[in-house]
Amino acid sequence: MDQEKLDSVIGKGSKIKGEINAQGGVKLDGKVVGNINITGQFIAGKDAEVKGNVNCLEAIIGGRISGNVTAQRKVELKKGARVIGDIICRGLIIEDGVFFEGSCKMGEKKGQ
């Protein structure tokens, strides 16, 4: 997956409670309790933790997510990732060493 332009970075040690709405790409290395809605690429580093749903263009996940992930394009789960929740996307890549508990629905959404 090509790394698109990142507009925001939430660094390691950061803790956010509440919903995040952002334009463009976001890289997360901190912790978020709340939903994340972004228009670009979402990258969750190996130290990232999310307790909430993620809606984005595409996602690269290396950390922990407890919630549903909805991406218009692809979702890539990197080695060491832990996802507990459902994934909705057009394409899914799962590396060896990933923990995923949930269901996955792939395909085109109407109106896209």
N, C-alpha and C. Protein backbone atom coordinates (compact mmCIF):
# COMPACT_ATOMS: atom_id res chain seq x y z
N MET A 1 0.84 -1.17 0.00
CA MET A 1 0.00 0.00 0.00
C MET A 1 0.89 1.24 0.00
N ASP A 2 0.64 2.13 -0.91
CA ASP A 2 1.44 3.35 -0.97
C ASP A 2 1.14 4.25 0.22
N GLN A 3 2.19 4.84 0.77
CA GLN A 3 2.02 5.77 1.88
C GLN A 3 1.55 7.11 1.29
N GLU A 4 0.32 7.47 1.59
CA GLU A 4 -0.19 8.76 1.14
C GLU A 4 0.30 9.83 2.09
N LYS A 5 0.08 11.07 1.72
CA LYS A 5 0.48 12.21 2.55
C LYS A 5 -0.22 12.15 3.91
N LEU A 6 0.57 12.30 4.96
CA LEU A 6 0.02 12.36 6.31
C LEU A 6 -0.15 13.82 6.71
N ASP A 7 -1.35 14.15 7.18
CA ASP A 7 -1.63 15.53 7.59
C ASP A 7 -1.54 15.70 9.10
N SER A 8 -1.71 14.61 9.85
CA SER A 8 -1.69 14.69 11.32
C SER A 8 -0.97 13.49 11.90
N VAL A 9 -0.24 13.73 12.98
CA VAL A 9 0.44 12.65 13.71
C VAL A 9 0.08 12.79 15.18
N ILE A 10 -0.38 11.70 15.77
CA ILE A 10 -0.67 11.66 17.20
C ILE A 10 0.40 10.76 17.80
N GLY A 11 1.34 11.38 18.51
CA GLY A 11 2.54 10.69 18.95
C GLY A 11 2.36 9.74 20.11
N LYS A 12 3.38 8.91 20.29
CA LYS A 12 3.44 7.96 21.38
C LYS A 12 3.36 8.73 22.70
N GLY A 13 2.57 8.22 23.64
CA GLY A 13 2.39 8.90 24.92
C GLY A 13 1.17 9.80 24.94
N SER A 14 0.60 10.11 23.77
CA SER A 14 -0.61 10.93 23.70
C SER A 14 -1.83 10.08 24.03
N LYS A 15 -2.77 10.67 24.77
CA LYS A 15 -4.02 9.99 25.11
C LYS A 15 -5.17 10.94 24.80
N ILE A 16 -6.11 10.47 23.98
CA ILE A 16 -7.24 11.29 23.56
C ILE A 16 -8.53 10.56 23.91
N LYS A 17 -9.45 11.28 24.57
CA LYS A 17 -10.79 10.77 24.82
C LYS A 17 -11.74 11.64 24.04
N GLY A 18 -12.48 11.02 23.13
CA GLY A 18 -13.41 11.76 22.29
C GLY A 18 -13.24 11.39 20.83
N GLU A 19 -14.14 11.89 20.02
CA GLU A 19 -14.14 11.58 18.60
C GLU A 19 -13.10 12.41 17.85
N ILE A 20 -12.42 11.78 16.89
CA ILE A 20 -11.46 12.48 16.04
C ILE A 20 -12.05 12.54 14.63
N ASN A 21 -12.17 13.75 14.10
CA ASN A 21 -12.61 13.98 12.72
C ASN A 21 -11.51 14.77 12.04
N ALA A 22 -10.94 14.21 10.98
CA ALA A 22 -9.81 14.88 10.34
C ALA A 22 -9.86 14.73 8.83
N GLN A 23 -9.35 15.75 8.15
CA GLN A 23 -9.17 15.71 6.70
C GLN A 23 -7.79 15.16 6.41
N GLY A 24 -7.66 14.31 5.41
CA GLY A 24 -6.36 13.78 5.02
C GLY A 24 -5.95 12.57 5.83
N GLY A 25 -4.63 12.29 5.82
CA GLY A 25 -4.09 11.11 6.47
C GLY A 25 -3.70 11.37 7.92
N VAL A 26 -3.82 10.32 8.75
CA VAL A 26 -3.49 10.41 10.16
C VAL A 26 -2.64 9.21 10.56
N LYS A 27 -1.54 9.48 11.29
CA LYS A 27 -0.73 8.41 11.89
C LYS A 27 -0.92 8.49 13.39
N LEU A 28 -1.23 7.34 13.98
CA LEU A 28 -1.47 7.26 15.41
C LEU A 28 -0.44 6.34 16.06
N ASP A 29 0.26 6.87 17.06
CA ASP A 29 1.15 6.05 17.88
C ASP A 29 0.73 6.11 19.34
N GLY A 30 -0.31 6.89 19.64
CA GLY A 30 -0.81 7.04 21.01
C GLY A 30 -2.08 6.22 21.23
N LYS A 31 -2.89 6.67 22.19
CA LYS A 31 -4.12 5.97 22.56
C LYS A 31 -5.32 6.87 22.34
N VAL A 32 -6.39 6.29 21.79
CA VAL A 32 -7.63 7.02 21.55
C VAL A 32 -8.79 6.20 22.07
N VAL A 33 -9.63 6.84 22.88
CA VAL A 33 -10.89 6.24 23.31
C VAL A 33 -11.98 7.08 22.65
N GLY A 34 -12.54 6.56 21.58
CA GLY A 34 -13.53 7.29 20.80
C GLY A 34 -13.40 6.91 19.34
N ASN A 35 -14.36 7.31 18.54
CA ASN A 35 -14.35 6.98 17.12
C ASN A 35 -13.39 7.88 16.35
N ILE A 36 -12.84 7.34 15.26
CA ILE A 36 -11.92 8.07 14.40
C ILE A 36 -12.53 8.10 13.00
N ASN A 37 -12.75 9.29 12.47
CA ASN A 37 -13.32 9.48 11.13
C ASN A 37 -12.38 10.38 10.34
N ILE A 38 -11.74 9.81 9.32
CA ILE A 38 -10.80 10.60 8.52
C ILE A 38 -11.04 10.36 7.04
N THR A 39 -10.65 11.33 6.24
CA THR A 39 -10.89 11.23 4.80
C THR A 39 -9.75 10.55 4.06
N GLY A 40 -8.60 10.38 4.69
CA GLY A 40 -7.44 9.79 4.03
C GLY A 40 -7.02 8.47 4.65
N GLN A 41 -5.73 8.22 4.56
CA GLN A 41 -5.15 6.98 5.08
C GLN A 41 -4.97 7.05 6.60
N PHE A 42 -5.28 5.95 7.27
CA PHE A 42 -5.09 5.83 8.71
C PHE A 42 -3.99 4.82 8.96
N ILE A 43 -2.96 5.24 9.69
CA ILE A 43 -1.86 4.35 10.04
C ILE A 43 -1.81 4.25 11.56
N ALA A 44 -1.98 3.05 12.07
CA ALA A 44 -1.87 2.80 13.51
C ALA A 44 -0.55 2.07 13.73
N GLY A 45 0.41 2.76 14.35
CA GLY A 45 1.71 2.16 14.63
C GLY A 45 1.61 1.03 15.65
N LYS A 46 2.72 0.36 15.89
CA LYS A 46 2.73 -0.81 16.78
C LYS A 46 2.34 -0.48 18.21
N ASP A 47 2.50 0.78 18.64
CA ASP A 47 2.14 1.19 19.99
C ASP A 47 0.75 1.82 20.07
N ALA A 48 0.06 1.92 18.96
CA ALA A 48 -1.27 2.56 18.93
C ALA A 48 -2.33 1.68 19.58
N GLU A 49 -3.27 2.35 20.26
CA GLU A 49 -4.42 1.68 20.84
C GLU A 49 -5.66 2.51 20.56
N VAL A 50 -6.70 1.85 20.02
CA VAL A 50 -7.96 2.52 19.74
C VAL A 50 -9.09 1.70 20.37
N LYS A 51 -9.93 2.38 21.15
CA LYS A 51 -11.16 1.78 21.66
C LYS A 51 -12.29 2.59 21.04
N GLY A 52 -12.73 2.16 19.87
CA GLY A 52 -13.75 2.87 19.11
C GLY A 52 -13.69 2.43 17.66
N ASN A 53 -14.59 2.93 16.86
CA ASN A 53 -14.66 2.57 15.45
C ASN A 53 -13.76 3.49 14.62
N VAL A 54 -13.24 2.94 13.52
CA VAL A 54 -12.39 3.69 12.61
C VAL A 54 -13.04 3.70 11.23
N ASN A 55 -13.22 4.90 10.66
CA ASN A 55 -13.72 5.07 9.30
C ASN A 55 -12.69 5.87 8.53
N CYS A 56 -12.22 5.32 7.38
CA CYS A 56 -11.14 5.98 6.65
C CYS A 56 -11.15 5.55 5.19
N LEU A 57 -10.23 6.14 4.42
CA LEU A 57 -10.06 5.76 3.02
C LEU A 57 -9.39 4.40 2.93
N GLU A 58 -8.29 4.22 3.67
CA GLU A 58 -7.61 2.94 3.78
C GLU A 58 -6.82 2.92 5.08
N ALA A 59 -6.47 1.72 5.54
CA ALA A 59 -5.83 1.61 6.84
C ALA A 59 -4.65 0.65 6.82
N ILE A 60 -3.61 1.02 7.57
CA ILE A 60 -2.48 0.13 7.85
C ILE A 60 -2.44 0.04 9.38
N ILE A 61 -2.65 -1.15 9.91
CA ILE A 61 -2.78 -1.31 11.35
C ILE A 61 -1.68 -2.21 11.89
N GLY A 62 -0.92 -1.65 12.83
CA GLY A 62 0.14 -2.42 13.49
C GLY A 62 -0.09 -2.52 14.98
N GLY A 63 -1.06 -1.78 15.50
CA GLY A 63 -1.34 -1.74 16.93
C GLY A 63 -2.62 -2.48 17.27
N ARG A 64 -3.30 -2.00 18.32
CA ARG A 64 -4.50 -2.65 18.82
C ARG A 64 -5.73 -1.80 18.58
N ILE A 65 -6.77 -2.44 18.05
CA ILE A 65 -8.04 -1.75 17.83
C ILE A 65 -9.16 -2.63 18.39
N SER A 66 -9.96 -2.04 19.26
CA SER A 66 -11.17 -2.68 19.77
C SER A 66 -12.34 -1.88 19.22
N GLY A 67 -12.85 -2.32 18.08
CA GLY A 67 -13.92 -1.60 17.40
C GLY A 67 -13.92 -2.00 15.94
N ASN A 68 -14.90 -1.53 15.22
CA ASN A 68 -15.03 -1.85 13.80
C ASN A 68 -14.15 -0.94 12.95
N VAL A 69 -13.63 -1.49 11.86
CA VAL A 69 -12.82 -0.73 10.92
C VAL A 69 -13.53 -0.74 9.56
N THR A 70 -13.85 0.44 9.05
CA THR A 70 -14.48 0.58 7.75
C THR A 70 -13.57 1.42 6.86
N ALA A 71 -13.14 0.83 5.74
CA ALA A 71 -12.25 1.53 4.81
C ALA A 71 -12.84 1.44 3.40
N GLN A 72 -12.77 2.55 2.67
CA GLN A 72 -13.28 2.56 1.30
C GLN A 72 -12.40 1.71 0.38
N ARG A 73 -11.11 1.60 0.72
CA ARG A 73 -10.18 0.81 -0.09
C ARG A 73 -9.72 -0.41 0.72
N LYS A 74 -8.41 -0.49 0.97
CA LYS A 74 -7.82 -1.66 1.62
C LYS A 74 -7.57 -1.46 3.10
N VAL A 75 -7.53 -2.59 3.80
CA VAL A 75 -7.07 -2.64 5.18
C VAL A 75 -5.92 -3.62 5.22
N GLU A 76 -4.80 -3.18 5.81
CA GLU A 76 -3.63 -4.03 5.93
C GLU A 76 -3.31 -4.22 7.42
N LEU A 77 -3.30 -5.48 7.86
CA LEU A 77 -2.99 -5.80 9.25
C LEU A 77 -1.55 -6.30 9.31
N LYS A 78 -0.70 -5.53 9.98
CA LYS A 78 0.73 -5.84 10.06
C LYS A 78 1.00 -6.81 11.22
N LYS A 79 2.13 -7.50 11.14
CA LYS A 79 2.54 -8.44 12.17
C LYS A 79 2.47 -7.77 13.54
N GLY A 80 1.84 -8.43 14.52
CA GLY A 80 1.70 -7.88 15.86
C GLY A 80 0.40 -7.13 16.09
N ALA A 81 -0.36 -6.87 15.02
CA ALA A 81 -1.63 -6.15 15.16
C ALA A 81 -2.64 -7.02 15.90
N ARG A 82 -3.55 -6.35 16.60
CA ARG A 82 -4.63 -7.03 17.33
C ARG A 82 -5.92 -6.25 17.07
N VAL A 83 -6.85 -6.87 16.36
CA VAL A 83 -8.11 -6.22 16.03
C VAL A 83 -9.26 -7.08 16.54
N ILE A 84 -10.09 -6.48 17.39
CA ILE A 84 -11.29 -7.14 17.88
C ILE A 84 -12.46 -6.30 17.40
N GLY A 85 -13.11 -6.76 16.35
CA GLY A 85 -14.20 -6.02 15.73
C GLY A 85 -14.32 -6.42 14.27
N ASP A 86 -15.32 -5.91 13.62
CA ASP A 86 -15.57 -6.24 12.23
C ASP A 86 -14.81 -5.31 11.30
N ILE A 87 -14.48 -5.83 10.12
CA ILE A 87 -13.78 -5.05 9.10
C ILE A 87 -14.63 -5.04 7.84
N ILE A 88 -14.84 -3.84 7.29
CA ILE A 88 -15.53 -3.68 6.02
C ILE A 88 -14.58 -2.94 5.09
N CYS A 89 -14.27 -3.54 3.94
CA CYS A 89 -13.30 -2.94 3.02
C CYS A 89 -13.42 -3.58 1.64
N ARG A 90 -12.63 -3.08 0.70
CA ARG A 90 -12.58 -3.67 -0.64
C ARG A 90 -11.51 -4.76 -0.72
N GLY A 91 -10.43 -4.61 0.06
CA GLY A 91 -9.35 -5.58 0.05
C GLY A 91 -8.74 -5.70 1.43
N LEU A 92 -8.32 -6.91 1.80
CA LEU A 92 -7.77 -7.14 3.13
C LEU A 92 -6.45 -7.91 3.01
N ILE A 93 -5.42 -7.39 3.66
CA ILE A 93 -4.11 -8.05 3.70
C ILE A 93 -3.81 -8.34 5.17
N ILE A 94 -3.55 -9.61 5.48
CA ILE A 94 -3.25 -10.00 6.86
C ILE A 94 -1.90 -10.70 6.88
N GLU A 95 -0.94 -10.10 7.59
CA GLU A 95 0.38 -10.72 7.73
C GLU A 95 0.33 -11.80 8.80
N ASP A 96 1.32 -12.70 8.77
CA ASP A 96 1.47 -13.72 9.79
C ASP A 96 1.70 -13.04 11.14
N GLY A 97 1.12 -13.55 12.21
CA GLY A 97 1.33 -12.99 13.53
C GLY A 97 0.30 -11.95 13.94
N VAL A 98 -0.83 -11.90 13.22
CA VAL A 98 -1.91 -10.96 13.52
C VAL A 98 -3.01 -11.69 14.29
N PHE A 99 -3.60 -11.01 15.29
CA PHE A 99 -4.77 -11.53 15.99
C PHE A 99 -5.97 -10.73 15.50
N PHE A 100 -6.93 -11.42 14.90
CA PHE A 100 -8.14 -10.77 14.39
C PHE A 100 -9.34 -11.59 14.83
N GLU A 101 -10.21 -10.96 15.62
CA GLU A 101 -11.44 -11.61 16.07
C GLU A 101 -12.61 -10.75 15.63
N GLY A 102 -13.36 -11.26 14.68
CA GLY A 102 -14.49 -10.52 14.13
C GLY A 102 -14.82 -11.07 12.76
N SER A 103 -15.61 -10.34 12.02
CA SER A 103 -15.95 -10.76 10.68
C SER A 103 -15.44 -9.72 9.68
N CYS A 104 -15.35 -10.14 8.43
CA CYS A 104 -14.90 -9.23 7.39
C CYS A 104 -15.89 -9.28 6.23
N LYS A 105 -16.28 -8.12 5.76
CA LYS A 105 -17.14 -8.02 4.58
C LYS A 105 -16.38 -7.23 3.54
N MET A 106 -16.21 -7.83 2.37
CA MET A 106 -15.45 -7.17 1.31
C MET A 106 -16.36 -6.94 0.11
N GLY A 107 -16.11 -5.85 -0.59
CA GLY A 107 -16.86 -5.57 -1.79
C GLY A 107 -17.07 -4.08 -1.98
N GLU A 108 -17.69 -3.74 -3.04
CA GLU A 108 -17.96 -2.35 -3.38
C GLU A 108 -19.19 -1.86 -2.62
N LYS A 109 -19.10 -0.63 -2.12
CA LYS A 109 -20.26 -0.02 -1.51
C LYS A 109 -21.06 0.67 -2.60
N LYS A 110 -22.37 0.66 -2.45
CA LYS A 110 -23.23 1.35 -3.43
C LYS A 110 -22.95 2.83 -3.41
N GLY A 111 -22.93 3.44 -4.57
CA GLY A 111 -22.71 4.88 -4.67
C GLY A 111 -21.26 5.28 -4.76
N GLN A 112 -20.34 4.31 -4.84
CA GLN A 112 -18.91 4.65 -4.95
C GLN A 112 -18.41 4.40 -6.34
